PDB file of N, CA and C in Angstrom:
ATOM      1  N   UNK A   1      24.478 -26.244 -20.961  1.00  0.00           N
ATOM      2  CA  UNK A   1      23.405 -25.702 -21.897  1.00  0.00           C
ATOM      3  C   UNK A   1      24.207 -24.063 -21.794  1.00  0.00           C
ATOM      4  N   UNK A   2      24.462 -23.346 -23.048  1.00  0.00           N
ATOM      5  CA  UNK A   2      24.899 -21.699 -22.682  1.00  0.00           C
ATOM      6  C   UNK A   2      23.752 -21.311 -23.397  1.00  0.00           C
ATOM      7  N   UNK A   3      23.601 -19.916 -23.180  1.00  0.00           N
ATOM      8  CA  UNK A   3      22.807 -18.988 -23.887  1.00  0.00           C
ATOM      9  C   UNK A   3      23.239 -18.667 -25.163  1.00  0.00           C
ATOM     10  N   UNK A   4      22.612 -18.009 -25.771  1.00  0.00           N
ATOM     11  CA  UNK A   4      22.566 -17.956 -27.477  1.00  0.00           C
ATOM     12  C   UNK A   4      23.849 -16.711 -27.358  1.00  0.00           C
ATOM     13  N   UNK A   5      23.817 -15.748 -26.764  1.00  0.00           N
ATOM     14  CA  UNK A   5      24.789 -14.508 -26.560  1.00  0.00           C
ATOM     15  C   UNK A   5      26.223 -14.977 -26.411  1.00  0.00           C
ATOM     16  N   UNK A   6      26.448 -16.088 -25.504  1.00  0.00           N
ATOM     17  CA  UNK A   6      27.572 -16.748 -25.219  1.00  0.00           C
ATOM     18  C   UNK A   6      28.009 -17.571 -26.531  1.00  0.00           C
ATOM     19  N   UNK A   7      27.351 -18.228 -26.574  1.00  0.00           N
ATOM     20  CA  UNK A   7      27.521 -19.333 -27.968  1.00  0.00           C
ATOM     21  C   UNK A   7      27.700 -18.452 -29.092  1.00  0.00           C
ATOM     22  N   UNK A   8      27.633 -16.915 -29.081  1.00  0.00           N
ATOM     23  CA  UNK A   8      27.913 -16.489 -30.534  1.00  0.00           C
ATOM     24  C   UNK A   8      26.693 -16.476 -31.674  1.00  0.00           C
ATOM     25  N   UNK A   9      25.543 -16.878 -31.038  1.00  0.00           N
ATOM     26  CA  UNK A   9      24.386 -17.156 -31.504  1.00  0.00           C
ATOM     27  C   UNK A   9      23.179 -15.784 -31.154  1.00  0.00           C
ATOM     28  N   UNK A  10      22.445 -15.220 -32.073  1.00  0.00           N
ATOM     29  CA  UNK A  10      21.668 -14.399 -31.451  1.00  0.00           C
ATOM     30  C   UNK A  10      20.494 -15.120 -30.585  1.00  0.00           C
ATOM     31  N   UNK A  11      20.029 -14.341 -29.561  1.00  0.00           N
ATOM     32  CA  UNK A  11      18.966 -15.008 -28.813  1.00  0.00           C
ATOM     33  C   UNK A  11      17.849 -14.778 -29.620  1.00  0.00           C
ATOM     34  N   UNK A  12      16.702 -15.753 -29.430  1.00  0.00           N
ATOM     35  CA  UNK A  12      15.695 -16.114 -30.202  1.00  0.00           C
ATOM     36  C   UNK A  12      14.631 -15.309 -29.200  1.00  0.00           C
ATOM     37  N   UNK A  13      14.053 -13.693 -29.851  1.00  0.00           N
ATOM     38  CA  UNK A  13      12.890 -12.857 -29.243  1.00  0.00           C
ATOM     39  C   UNK A  13      11.584 -13.105 -29.361  1.00  0.00           C
ATOM     40  N   UNK A  14      11.356 -14.410 -30.087  1.00  0.00           N
ATOM     41  CA  UNK A  14      10.079 -14.956 -30.400  1.00  0.00           C
ATOM     42  C   UNK A  14      10.122 -15.989 -29.214  1.00  0.00           C
ATOM     43  N   UNK A  15      10.820 -16.515 -28.740  1.00  0.00           N
ATOM     44  CA  UNK A  15      10.710 -17.708 -27.829  1.00  0.00           C
ATOM     45  C   UNK A  15      10.055 -17.052 -26.633  1.00  0.00           C
ATOM     46  N   UNK A  16       9.045 -17.515 -25.990  1.00  0.00           N
ATOM     47  CA  UNK A  16       8.486 -16.999 -24.425  1.00  0.00           C
ATOM     48  C   UNK A  16       9.184 -17.550 -23.351  1.00  0.00           C
ATOM     49  N   UNK A  17       9.964 -18.531 -23.553  1.00  0.00           N
ATOM     50  CA  UNK A  17      10.614 -19.087 -22.519  1.00  0.00           C
ATOM     51  C   UNK A  17      11.892 -18.867 -22.266  1.00  0.00           C
ATOM     52  N   UNK A  18      12.148 -18.058 -23.140  1.00  0.00           N
ATOM     53  CA  UNK A  18      13.626 -17.297 -23.145  1.00  0.00           C
ATOM     54  C   UNK A  18      13.738 -16.504 -21.925  1.00  0.00           C
ATOM     55  N   UNK A  19      13.065 -15.518 -21.492  1.00  0.00           N
ATOM     56  CA  UNK A  19      13.312 -14.185 -20.548  1.00  0.00           C
ATOM     57  C   UNK A  19      12.040 -15.060 -19.408  1.00  0.00           C
ATOM     58  N   UNK A  20      11.823 -16.144 -18.803  1.00  0.00           N
ATOM     59  CA  UNK A  20      11.078 -16.474 -18.026  1.00  0.00           C
ATOM     60  C   UNK A  20      11.754 -16.072 -16.473  1.00  0.00           C
ATOM     61  N   UNK A  21      13.371 -16.086 -16.595  1.00  0.00           N
ATOM     62  CA  UNK A  21      13.633 -15.627 -15.102  1.00  0.00           C
ATOM     63  C   UNK A  21      13.530 -13.869 -15.128  1.00  0.00           C
ATOM     64  N   UNK A  22      13.833 -13.143 -16.225  1.00  0.00           N
ATOM     65  CA  UNK A  22      13.540 -11.722 -16.091  1.00  0.00           C
ATOM     66  C   UNK A  22      12.282 -11.091 -15.515  1.00  0.00           C
ATOM     67  N   UNK A  23      11.201 -11.895 -15.919  1.00  0.00           N
ATOM     68  CA  UNK A  23       9.632 -11.492 -15.404  1.00  0.00           C
ATOM     69  C   UNK A  23       9.725 -11.409 -13.965  1.00  0.00           C
ATOM     70  N   UNK A  24       9.026 -10.404 -13.524  1.00  0.00           N
ATOM     71  CA  UNK A  24       8.875 -10.412 -12.119  1.00  0.00           C
ATOM     72  C   UNK A  24       7.150 -10.524 -11.697  1.00  0.00           C
ATOM     73  N   UNK A  25       7.010 -11.602 -10.711  1.00  0.00           N
ATOM     74  CA  UNK A  25       5.905 -12.103 -10.165  1.00  0.00           C
ATOM     75  C   UNK A  25       4.988 -10.481  -9.715  1.00  0.00           C
ATOM     76  N   UNK A  26       3.833 -10.400 -10.090  1.00  0.00           N
ATOM     77  CA  UNK A  26       3.193  -9.246  -9.156  1.00  0.00           C
ATOM     78  C   UNK A  26       3.137  -9.574  -7.868  1.00  0.00           C
ATOM     79  N   UNK A  27       3.042 -10.949  -7.408  1.00  0.00           N
ATOM     80  CA  UNK A  27       2.878 -11.034  -5.965  1.00  0.00           C
ATOM     81  C   UNK A  27       1.026 -11.395  -5.761  1.00  0.00           C
ATOM     82  N   UNK A  28       0.984 -12.191  -4.434  1.00  0.00           N
ATOM     83  CA  UNK A  28      -0.121 -12.548  -4.289  1.00  0.00           C
ATOM     84  C   UNK A  28      -0.864 -11.359  -2.964  1.00  0.00           C
ATOM     85  N   UNK A  29      -2.225 -12.004  -2.668  1.00  0.00           N
ATOM     86  CA  UNK A  29      -3.174 -11.276  -2.055  1.00  0.00           C
ATOM     87  C   UNK A  29      -2.231 -10.805  -0.580  1.00  0.00           C
ATOM     88  N   UNK A  30      -1.131 -11.614  -0.085  1.00  0.00           N
ATOM     89  CA  UNK A  30      -0.896 -11.037   1.272  1.00  0.00           C
ATOM     90  C   UNK A  30       0.309 -10.294   1.092  1.00  0.00           C
ATOM     91  N   UNK A  31       1.000 -10.520  -0.285  1.00  0.00           N
ATOM     92  CA  UNK A  31       1.942  -9.028  -0.432  1.00  0.00           C
ATOM     93  C   UNK A  31       1.423  -8.046  -0.960  1.00  0.00           C
ATOM     94  N   UNK A  32      -0.053  -7.869  -1.093  1.00  0.00           N
ATOM     95  CA  UNK A  32      -0.818  -6.600  -1.802  1.00  0.00           C
ATOM     96  C   UNK A  32      -1.293  -6.016  -0.078  1.00  0.00           C
ATOM     97  N   UNK A  33      -1.512  -6.929   0.610  1.00  0.00           N
ATOM     98  CA  UNK A  33      -2.066  -6.651   2.040  1.00  0.00           C
ATOM     99  C   UNK A  33      -0.748  -5.861   2.723  1.00  0.00           C
ATOM    100  N   UNK A  34       0.230  -6.555   2.349  1.00  0.00           N
ATOM    101  CA  UNK A  34       1.389  -6.135   3.357  1.00  0.00           C
ATOM    102  C   UNK A  34       1.811  -4.986   2.798  1.00  0.00           C
ATOM    103  N   UNK A  35       1.967  -4.409   1.402  1.00  0.00           N
ATOM    104  CA  UNK A  35       2.187  -3.071   0.753  1.00  0.00           C
ATOM    105  C   UNK A  35       1.176  -2.073   1.361  1.00  0.00           C
ATOM    106  N   UNK A  36      -0.243  -2.629   1.302  1.00  0.00           N
ATOM    107  CA  UNK A  36      -1.055  -1.548   1.876  1.00  0.00           C
ATOM    108  C   UNK A  36      -0.851  -1.096   3.843  1.00  0.00           C
ATOM    109  N   UNK A  37      -0.538  -2.103   4.211  1.00  0.00           N
ATOM    110  CA  UNK A  37       0.139  -1.741   5.821  1.00  0.00           C
ATOM    111  C   UNK A  37       1.412  -0.727   5.499  1.00  0.00           C
ATOM    112  N   UNK A  38       2.190  -1.115   4.602  1.00  0.00           N
ATOM    113  CA  UNK A  38       3.474   0.031   4.600  1.00  0.00           C
ATOM    114  C   UNK A  38       2.886   1.097   4.007  1.00  0.00           C
ATOM    115  N   UNK A  39       2.068   1.493   3.369  1.00  0.00           N
ATOM    116  CA  UNK A  39       1.916   2.603   2.889  1.00  0.00           C
ATOM    117  C   UNK A  39       0.941   3.288   3.771  1.00  0.00           C
ATOM    118  N   UNK A  40       0.256   2.639   4.985  1.00  0.00           N
ATOM    119  CA  UNK A  40       0.124   2.958   5.896  1.00  0.00           C
ATOM    120  C   UNK A  40       0.741   3.804   7.189  1.00  0.00           C
ATOM    121  N   UNK A  41       1.896   2.992   7.012  1.00  0.00           N
ATOM    122  CA  UNK A  41       3.246   2.947   7.990  1.00  0.00           C
ATOM    123  C   UNK A  41       3.493   4.509   7.963  1.00  0.00           C
ATOM    124  N   UNK A  42       4.174   4.427   6.648  1.00  0.00           N
ATOM    125  CA  UNK A  42       4.834   5.811   6.073  1.00  0.00           C
ATOM    126  C   UNK A  42       4.568   6.883   6.916  1.00  0.00           C
ATOM    127  N   UNK A  43       3.230   7.117   6.714  1.00  0.00           N
ATOM    128  CA  UNK A  43       2.883   8.652   7.533  1.00  0.00           C
ATOM    129  C   UNK A  43       3.149   8.405   9.224  1.00  0.00           C
ATOM    130  N   UNK A  44       2.875   7.561   9.679  1.00  0.00           N
ATOM    131  CA  UNK A  44       2.600   7.186  10.931  1.00  0.00           C
ATOM    132  C   UNK A  44       4.341   7.472  11.206  1.00  0.00           C
ATOM    133  N   UNK A  45       5.160   7.010  10.653  1.00  0.00           N
ATOM    134  CA  UNK A  45       6.448   7.141  11.256  1.00  0.00           C
ATOM    135  C   UNK A  45       7.066   8.433  11.113  1.00  0.00           C
ATOM    136  N   UNK A  46       6.613   8.753   9.923  1.00  0.00           N
ATOM    137  CA  UNK A  46       6.934  10.521   9.769  1.00  0.00           C
ATOM    138  C   UNK A  46       6.236  11.112  10.987  1.00  0.00           C
ATOM    139  N   UNK A  47       4.942  11.014  11.154  1.00  0.00           N
ATOM    140  CA  UNK A  47       4.348  11.643  12.260  1.00  0.00           C
ATOM    141  C   UNK A  47       5.029  11.578  13.653  1.00  0.00           C
ATOM    142  N   UNK A  48       5.469  10.407  13.764  1.00  0.00           N
ATOM    143  CA  UNK A  48       6.242   9.989  15.412  1.00  0.00           C
ATOM    144  C   UNK A  48       7.347  10.749  15.277  1.00  0.00           C
ATOM    145  N   UNK A  49       7.968  10.556  14.090  1.00  0.00           N
ATOM    146  CA  UNK A  49       9.312  11.205  14.134  1.00  0.00           C
ATOM    147  C   UNK A  49       9.557  12.560  14.171  1.00  0.00           C
ATOM    148  N   UNK A  50       8.600  13.466  13.568  1.00  0.00           N
ATOM    149  CA  UNK A  50       8.113  14.750  13.760  1.00  0.00           C
ATOM    150  C   UNK A  50       7.590  14.985  15.213  1.00  0.00           C
ATOM    151  N   UNK A  51       7.285  14.369  15.909  1.00  0.00           N
ATOM    152  CA  UNK A  51       6.873  14.623  17.198  1.00  0.00           C
ATOM    153  C   UNK A  51       8.020  14.921  18.138  1.00  0.00           C
ATOM    154  N   UNK A  52       9.378  14.472  17.865  1.00  0.00           N
ATOM    155  CA  UNK A  52      10.344  14.528  18.690  1.00  0.00           C
ATOM    156  C   UNK A  52      11.231  16.020  18.324  1.00  0.00           C
ATOM    157  N   UNK A  53      10.506  16.480  17.125  1.00  0.00           N
ATOM    158  CA  UNK A  53      11.149  17.995  17.013  1.00  0.00           C
ATOM    159  C   UNK A  53      10.309  19.185  17.849  1.00  0.00           C
ATOM    160  N   UNK A  54       9.065  18.398  18.168  1.00  0.00           N
ATOM    161  CA  UNK A  54       8.346  19.393  19.026  1.00  0.00           C
ATOM    162  C   UNK A  54       8.776  19.661  20.606  1.00  0.00           C
ATOM    163  N   UNK A  55       8.586  21.006  21.081  1.00  0.00           N
ATOM    164  CA  UNK A  55       8.674  20.679  22.691  1.00  0.00           C
ATOM    165  C   UNK A  55       7.542  20.300  23.227  1.00  0.00           C
ATOM    166  N   UNK A  56       7.768  20.022  24.630  1.00  0.00           N
ATOM    167  CA  UNK A  56       6.752  19.103  25.375  1.00  0.00           C
ATOM    168  C   UNK A  56       5.723  19.296  25.483  1.00  0.00           C
ATOM    169  N   UNK A  57       4.885  20.674  25.416  1.00  0.00           N
ATOM    170  CA  UNK A  57       3.622  20.746  25.324  1.00  0.00           C
ATOM    171  C   UNK A  57       3.188  20.297  24.063  1.00  0.00           C
ATOM    172  N   UNK A  58       3.809  20.688  23.186  1.00  0.00           N
ATOM    173  CA  UNK A  58       3.130  20.329  21.670  1.00  0.00           C
ATOM    174  C   UNK A  58       3.081  18.918  21.287  1.00  0.00           C
ATOM    175  N   UNK A  59       4.170  18.088  22.141  1.00  0.00           N
ATOM    176  CA  UNK A  59       4.335  16.723  22.073  1.00  0.00           C
ATOM    177  C   UNK A  59       3.012  16.150  22.755  1.00  0.00           C
ATOM    178  N   UNK A  60       2.769  16.702  23.601  1.00  0.00           N
ATOM    179  CA  UNK A  60       1.610  16.215  24.418  1.00  0.00           C
ATOM    180  C   UNK A  60       0.296  16.123  23.853  1.00  0.00           C
ATOM    181  N   UNK A  61       0.318  16.997  22.713  1.00  0.00           N
ATOM    182  CA  UNK A  61      -1.050  17.245  21.929  1.00  0.00           C
ATOM    183  C   UNK A  61      -0.855  16.694  20.739  1.00  0.00           C
ATOM    184  N   UNK A  62       0.095  16.403  20.321  1.00  0.00           N
ATOM    185  CA  UNK A  62       0.448  15.590  19.356  1.00  0.00           C
ATOM    186  C   UNK A  62      -0.014  13.973  19.537  1.00  0.00           C
ATOM    187  N   UNK A  63       0.645  13.559  20.552  1.00  0.00           N
ATOM    188  CA  UNK A  63       0.489  12.418  21.156  1.00  0.00           C
ATOM    189  C   UNK A  63      -1.076  12.266  21.438  1.00  0.00           C
ATOM    190  N   UNK A  64      -1.831  13.081  22.088  1.00  0.00           N
ATOM    191  CA  UNK A  64      -3.389  13.275  22.400  1.00  0.00           C
ATOM    192  C   UNK A  64      -4.181  12.763  20.825  1.00  0.00           C
ATOM    193  N   UNK A  65      -3.677  13.522  19.916  1.00  0.00           N
ATOM    194  CA  UNK A  65      -4.299  13.712  18.846  1.00  0.00           C
ATOM    195  C   UNK A  65      -4.123  12.341  18.015  1.00  0.00           C
ATOM    196  N   UNK A  66      -2.833  11.751  17.928  1.00  0.00           N
ATOM    197  CA  UNK A  66      -2.813  10.535  17.740  1.00  0.00           C
ATOM    198  C   UNK A  66      -3.536   9.445  18.390  1.00  0.00           C
ATOM    199  N   UNK A  67      -3.812   9.411  19.710  1.00  0.00           N
ATOM    200  CA  UNK A  67      -4.356   8.481  20.320  1.00  0.00           C
ATOM    201  C   UNK A  67      -6.126   8.646  19.922  1.00  0.00           C
ATOM    202  N   UNK A  68      -6.554   9.882  19.790  1.00  0.00           N
ATOM    203  CA  UNK A  68      -7.892  10.089  19.503  1.00  0.00           C
ATOM    204  C   UNK A  68      -7.977   9.737  18.181  1.00  0.00           C
ATOM    205  N   UNK A  69      -7.028   9.521  17.221  1.00  0.00           N
ATOM    206  CA  UNK A  69      -7.333   9.205  15.781  1.00  0.00           C
ATOM    207  C   UNK A  69      -7.035   7.825  15.717  1.00  0.00           C
ATOM    208  N   UNK A  70      -6.938   7.001  16.562  1.00  0.00           N
ATOM    209  CA  UNK A  70      -6.395   5.734  16.561  1.00  0.00           C
ATOM    210  C   UNK A  70      -7.499   4.808  15.785  1.00  0.00           C
ATOM    211  N   UNK A  71      -8.857   4.914  16.668  1.00  0.00           N
ATOM    212  CA  UNK A  71      -9.939   3.923  15.900  1.00  0.00           C
ATOM    213  C   UNK A  71     -10.162   4.173  14.688  1.00  0.00           C
ATOM    214  N   UNK A  72     -10.435   5.555  14.141  1.00  0.00           N
ATOM    215  CA  UNK A  72     -10.692   5.900  12.753  1.00  0.00           C
ATOM    216  C   UNK A  72      -9.503   5.478  11.821  1.00  0.00           C
ATOM    217  N   UNK A  73      -8.295   5.246  12.313  1.00  0.00           N
ATOM    218  CA  UNK A  73      -6.941   5.031  11.547  1.00  0.00           C
ATOM    219  C   UNK A  73      -7.217   3.137  11.163  1.00  0.00           C
ATOM    220  N   UNK A  74      -7.737   2.985  12.582  1.00  0.00           N
ATOM    221  CA  UNK A  74      -7.710   1.306  12.178  1.00  0.00           C
ATOM    222  C   UNK A  74      -8.855   1.474  11.250  1.00  0.00           C
ATOM    223  N   UNK A  75      -9.790   1.702  11.342  1.00  0.00           N
ATOM    224  CA  UNK A  75     -11.037   1.580  10.431  1.00  0.00           C
ATOM    225  C   UNK A  75     -10.573   1.416   9.034  1.00  0.00           C
ATOM    226  N   UNK A  76      -9.676   2.841   8.763  1.00  0.00           N
ATOM    227  CA  UNK A  76      -9.816   2.866   7.524  1.00  0.00           C
ATOM    228  C   UNK A  76      -8.276   2.085   6.987  1.00  0.00           C
ATOM    229  N   UNK A  77      -7.507   1.559   7.759  1.00  0.00           N
ATOM    230  CA  UNK A  77      -6.513   0.365   7.625  1.00  0.00           C
ATOM    231  C   UNK A  77      -7.378  -0.862   7.313  1.00  0.00           C
ATOM    232  N   UNK A  78      -8.395  -1.140   8.279  1.00  0.00           N
ATOM    233  CA  UNK A  78      -8.917  -2.516   7.825  1.00  0.00           C
ATOM    234  C   UNK A  78      -9.896  -2.235   6.611  1.00  0.00           C
ATOM    235  N   UNK A  79     -10.524  -1.427   6.045  1.00  0.00           N
ATOM    236  CA  UNK A  79     -11.376  -1.119   4.780  1.00  0.00           C
ATOM    237  C   UNK A  79     -10.240  -1.346   3.624  1.00  0.00           C
ATOM    238  N   UNK A  80      -9.105  -0.228   3.688  1.00  0.00           N
ATOM    239  CA  UNK A  80      -7.889  -0.824   3.178  1.00  0.00           C
ATOM    240  C   UNK A  80      -7.604  -2.026   2.356  1.00  0.00           C
ATOM    241  N   UNK A  81      -7.082  -3.126   3.619  1.00  0.00           N
ATOM    242  CA  UNK A  81      -7.031  -4.002   3.474  1.00  0.00           C
ATOM    243  C   UNK A  81      -7.939  -5.034   2.628  1.00  0.00           C
ATOM    244  N   UNK A  82      -9.046  -4.615   2.914  1.00  0.00           N
ATOM    245  CA  UNK A  82     -10.386  -5.519   2.103  1.00  0.00           C
ATOM    246  C   UNK A  82     -10.227  -4.764   0.589  1.00  0.00           C
ATOM    247  N   UNK A  83      -9.664  -3.607   0.372  1.00  0.00           N
ATOM    248  CA  UNK A  83      -9.884  -3.275  -1.080  1.00  0.00           C
ATOM    249  C   UNK A  83      -8.600  -3.876  -1.699  1.00  0.00           C
ATOM    250  N   UNK A  84      -7.460  -3.784  -1.126  1.00  0.00           N
ATOM    251  CA  UNK A  84      -6.396  -4.744  -1.511  1.00  0.00           C
ATOM    252  C   UNK A  84      -6.906  -6.173  -2.106  1.00  0.00           C
ATOM    253  N   UNK A  85      -7.134  -6.663  -1.152  1.00  0.00           N
ATOM    254  CA  UNK A  85      -7.631  -8.443  -1.488  1.00  0.00           C
ATOM    255  C   UNK A  85      -9.007  -8.261  -2.518  1.00  0.00           C
ATOM    256  N   UNK A  86      -9.855  -7.308  -2.530  1.00  0.00           N
ATOM    257  CA  UNK A  86     -10.540  -7.189  -3.865  1.00  0.00           C
ATOM    258  C   UNK A  86      -9.768  -6.910  -5.139  1.00  0.00           C
ATOM    259  N   UNK A  87      -8.613  -5.833  -4.953  1.00  0.00           N
ATOM    260  CA  UNK A  87      -8.049  -5.683  -6.103  1.00  0.00           C
ATOM    261  C   UNK A  87      -7.316  -6.481  -6.677  1.00  0.00           C
ATOM    262  N   UNK A  88      -6.714  -7.253  -5.718  1.00  0.00           N
ATOM    263  CA  UNK A  88      -5.739  -8.630  -6.110  1.00  0.00           C
ATOM    264  C   UNK A  88      -6.466  -9.616  -6.854  1.00  0.00           C
ATOM    265  N   UNK A  89      -7.883  -9.907  -6.369  1.00  0.00           N
ATOM    266  CA  UNK A  89      -8.388 -10.987  -6.710  1.00  0.00           C
ATOM    267  C   UNK A  89      -9.046 -10.438  -8.463  1.00  0.00           C
ATOM    268  N   UNK A  90      -9.042  -9.094  -8.465  1.00  0.00           N
ATOM    269  CA  UNK A  90      -9.799  -8.658  -9.514  1.00  0.00           C
ATOM    270  C   UNK A  90      -8.501  -8.802 -10.735  1.00  0.00           C
ATOM    271  N   UNK A  91      -7.371  -8.680 -10.435  1.00  0.00           N
ATOM    272  CA  UNK A  91      -6.471  -8.435 -11.676  1.00  0.00           C
ATOM    273  C   UNK A  91      -5.135  -8.687 -10.840  1.00  0.00           C
ATOM    274  N   UNK A  92      -4.024  -9.502 -11.636  1.00  0.00           N
ATOM    275  CA  UNK A  92      -2.836  -9.555 -11.068  1.00  0.00           C
ATOM    276  C   UNK A  92      -1.992  -8.922 -12.219  1.00  0.00           C
ATOM    277  N   UNK A  93      -2.237  -8.050 -13.063  1.00  0.00           N
ATOM    278  CA  UNK A  93      -1.677  -7.328 -13.728  1.00  0.00           C
ATOM    279  C   UNK A  93      -0.657  -6.370 -13.234  1.00  0.00           C
ATOM    280  N   UNK A  94      -1.376  -5.737 -11.988  1.00  0.00           N
ATOM    281  CA  UNK A  94      -0.602  -4.733 -10.988  1.00  0.00           C
ATOM    282  C   UNK A  94       0.363  -5.399 -10.293  1.00  0.00           C
ATOM    283  N   UNK A  95       1.620  -4.873  -9.830  1.00  0.00           N
ATOM    284  CA  UNK A  95       2.908  -5.415  -9.190  1.00  0.00           C
ATOM    285  C   UNK A  95       1.579  -4.961  -7.372  1.00  0.00           C
ATOM    286  N   UNK A  96       2.118  -5.974  -6.548  1.00  0.00           N
ATOM    287  CA  UNK A  96       1.444  -5.784  -5.250  1.00  0.00           C
ATOM    288  C   UNK A  96       1.787  -4.452  -4.812  1.00  0.00           C
ATOM    289  N   UNK A  97       3.215  -3.715  -4.784  1.00  0.00           N
ATOM    290  CA  UNK A  97       3.249  -2.653  -4.371  1.00  0.00           C
ATOM    291  C   UNK A  97       1.999  -1.342  -4.875  1.00  0.00           C
ATOM    292  N   UNK A  98       1.850  -1.749  -6.256  1.00  0.00           N
ATOM    293  CA  UNK A  98       0.681  -0.826  -7.031  1.00  0.00           C
ATOM    294  C   UNK A  98      -0.556  -1.056  -6.390  1.00  0.00           C
ATOM    295  N   UNK A  99      -0.961  -2.135  -6.234  1.00  0.00           N
ATOM    296  CA  UNK A  99      -1.950  -2.366  -5.310  1.00  0.00           C
ATOM    297  C   UNK A  99      -2.249  -2.038  -4.316  1.00  0.00           C
ATOM    298  N   UNK A 100      -1.193  -2.392  -3.233  1.00  0.00           N
ATOM    299  CA  UNK A 100      -1.211  -1.506  -1.768  1.00  0.00           C
ATOM    300  C   UNK A 100      -1.352  -0.136  -1.917  1.00  0.00           C
ATOM    301  N   UNK A 101      -0.936   0.660  -2.661  1.00  0.00           N
ATOM    302  CA  UNK A 101      -0.797   2.018  -2.925  1.00  0.00           C
ATOM    303  C   UNK A 101      -2.164   2.243  -3.240  1.00  0.00           C
ATOM    304  N   UNK A 102      -2.923   2.020  -4.197  1.00  0.00           N
ATOM    305  CA  UNK A 102      -3.987   2.126  -4.811  1.00  0.00           C
ATOM    306  C   UNK A 102      -5.417   1.806  -3.860  1.00  0.00           C
ATOM    307  N   UNK A 103      -5.015   0.872  -2.828  1.00  0.00           N
ATOM    308  CA  UNK A 103      -5.892  -0.063  -1.995  1.00  0.00           C
ATOM    309  C   UNK A 103      -5.790   0.999  -0.704  1.00  0.00           C
ATOM    310  N   UNK A 104      -4.772   1.930  -0.362  1.00  0.00           N
ATOM    311  CA  UNK A 104      -4.666   3.031   0.828  1.00  0.00           C
ATOM    312  C   UNK A 104      -5.344   4.044   0.210  1.00  0.00           C
ATOM    313  N   UNK A 105      -5.138   4.716  -0.886  1.00  0.00           N
ATOM    314  CA  UNK A 105      -5.931   5.639  -1.341  1.00  0.00           C
ATOM    315  C   UNK A 105      -7.121   5.498  -1.399  1.00  0.00           C
ATOM    316  N   UNK A 106      -7.828   4.008  -1.982  1.00  0.00           N
ATOM    317  CA  UNK A 106      -9.366   3.968  -2.128  1.00  0.00           C
ATOM    318  C   UNK A 106      -9.668   3.822  -0.678  1.00  0.00           C
ATOM    319  N   UNK A 107      -9.361   3.144  -0.234  1.00  0.00           N
ATOM    320  CA  UNK A 107      -9.661   2.805   1.228  1.00  0.00           C
ATOM    321  C   UNK A 107      -9.711   4.047   2.116  1.00  0.00           C
ATOM    322  N   UNK A 108      -8.692   4.599   2.240  1.00  0.00           N
ATOM    323  CA  UNK A 108      -8.622   6.109   3.124  1.00  0.00           C
ATOM    324  C   UNK A 108      -9.749   6.799   2.944  1.00  0.00           C
ATOM    325  N   UNK A 109     -10.076   6.955   1.220  1.00  0.00           N
ATOM    326  CA  UNK A 109     -11.457   8.059   0.684  1.00  0.00           C
ATOM    327  C   UNK A 109     -12.120   7.437   1.301  1.00  0.00           C
ATOM    328  N   UNK A 110     -12.784   5.859   1.223  1.00  0.00           N
ATOM    329  CA  UNK A 110     -13.793   5.045   1.576  1.00  0.00           C
ATOM    330  C   UNK A 110     -14.242   5.488   2.758  1.00  0.00           C
ATOM    331  N   UNK A 111     -13.238   5.221   3.870  1.00  0.00           N
ATOM    332  CA  UNK A 111     -13.521   5.400   5.145  1.00  0.00           C
ATOM    333  C   UNK A 111     -13.795   6.985   5.450  1.00  0.00           C
ATOM    334  N   UNK A 112     -13.439   7.595   4.961  1.00  0.00           N
ATOM    335  CA  UNK A 112     -13.891   9.541   5.019  1.00  0.00           C
ATOM    336  C   UNK A 112     -14.892   9.525   4.959  1.00  0.00           C
ATOM    337  N   UNK A 113     -15.422   9.101   3.430  1.00  0.00           N
ATOM    338  CA  UNK A 113     -17.019   9.253   2.997  1.00  0.00           C
ATOM    339  C   UNK A 113     -17.928   8.578   4.008  1.00  0.00           C
ATOM    340  N   UNK A 114     -17.649   7.583   4.440  1.00  0.00           N
ATOM    341  CA  UNK A 114     -18.393   6.837   5.341  1.00  0.00           C
ATOM    342  C   UNK A 114     -18.269   6.993   6.810  1.00  0.00           C
ATOM    343  N   UNK A 115     -17.319   7.854   7.114  1.00  0.00           N
ATOM    344  CA  UNK A 115     -17.518   8.495   8.574  1.00  0.00           C
ATOM    345  C   UNK A 115     -18.269   9.529   8.372  1.00  0.00           C
ATOM    346  N   UNK A 116     -18.516  10.323   7.329  1.00  0.00           N
ATOM    347  CA  UNK A 116     -18.773  11.594   7.229  1.00  0.00           C
ATOM    348  C   UNK A 116     -20.596  10.996   6.988  1.00  0.00           C
ATOM    349  N   UNK A 117     -20.908  10.155   6.198  1.00  0.00           N
ATOM    350  CA  UNK A 117     -22.403   9.726   6.192  1.00  0.00           C
ATOM    351  C   UNK A 117     -22.981   9.385   7.604  1.00  0.00           C
ATOM    352  N   UNK A 118     -22.164   8.521   8.421  1.00  0.00           N
ATOM    353  CA  UNK A 118     -22.343   7.768   9.636  1.00  0.00           C
ATOM    354  C   UNK A 118     -22.671   8.945  10.576  1.00  0.00           C
ATOM    355  N   UNK A 119     -21.691  10.009  11.093  1.00  0.00           N
ATOM    356  CA  UNK A 119     -21.480  10.789  11.580  1.00  0.00           C
ATOM    357  C   UNK A 119     -22.812  12.165  11.119  1.00  0.00           C
ATOM    358  N   UNK A 120     -22.750  12.345  10.017  1.00  0.00           N
ATOM    359  CA  UNK A 120     -23.068  13.470   9.713  1.00  0.00           C
ATOM    360  C   UNK A 120     -22.482  14.803   9.581  1.00  0.00           C
ATOM    361  N   UNK A 121     -21.350  14.897   9.511  1.00  0.00           N
ATOM    362  CA  UNK A 121     -20.487  15.655   9.627  1.00  0.00           C
ATOM    363  C   UNK A 121     -20.089  16.254   8.010  1.00  0.00           C
ATOM    364  N   UNK A 122     -20.172  17.302   7.803  1.00  0.00           N
ATOM    365  CA  UNK A 122     -20.121  17.496   6.203  1.00  0.00           C
ATOM    366  C   UNK A 122     -18.310  17.188   5.968  1.00  0.00           C
ATOM    367  N   UNK A 123     -18.212  17.216   4.531  1.00  0.00           N
ATOM    368  CA  UNK A 123     -16.691  16.958   4.332  1.00  0.00           C
ATOM    369  C   UNK A 123     -15.811  18.152   4.227  1.00  0.00           C
ATOM    370  N   UNK A 124     -16.703  18.934   4.154  1.00  0.00           N
ATOM    371  CA  UNK A 124     -15.872  20.384   3.830  1.00  0.00           C
ATOM    372  C   UNK A 124     -15.446  21.161   4.831  1.00  0.00           C
TER     373      UNK A 124
END
């Protein structure tokens, strides 16, 4: 079986089965959660990479800051993963990378607001 272009016949633009291979699947819930983790991983990798450019005193302070922020970071990541699952359940129109980015942004904001509400610290 040959395509219409090779056989000298024009392709049928109204045939929905003609371009099935060209369409990309948006990915499932696991892909959305995976991309959320990737979006969280990029700043961590940049932060750790930047620590190697610091002198030893600054590097120690940066490591301490990273260790102090780890619990809040983990809570933010967990909330973002839940947001990714909810977004993927709500729509399959977005690609998994877009869902992951949206979930990372919304989950990080949600964690910030919840942390402020629980601790009583102002956001400003």
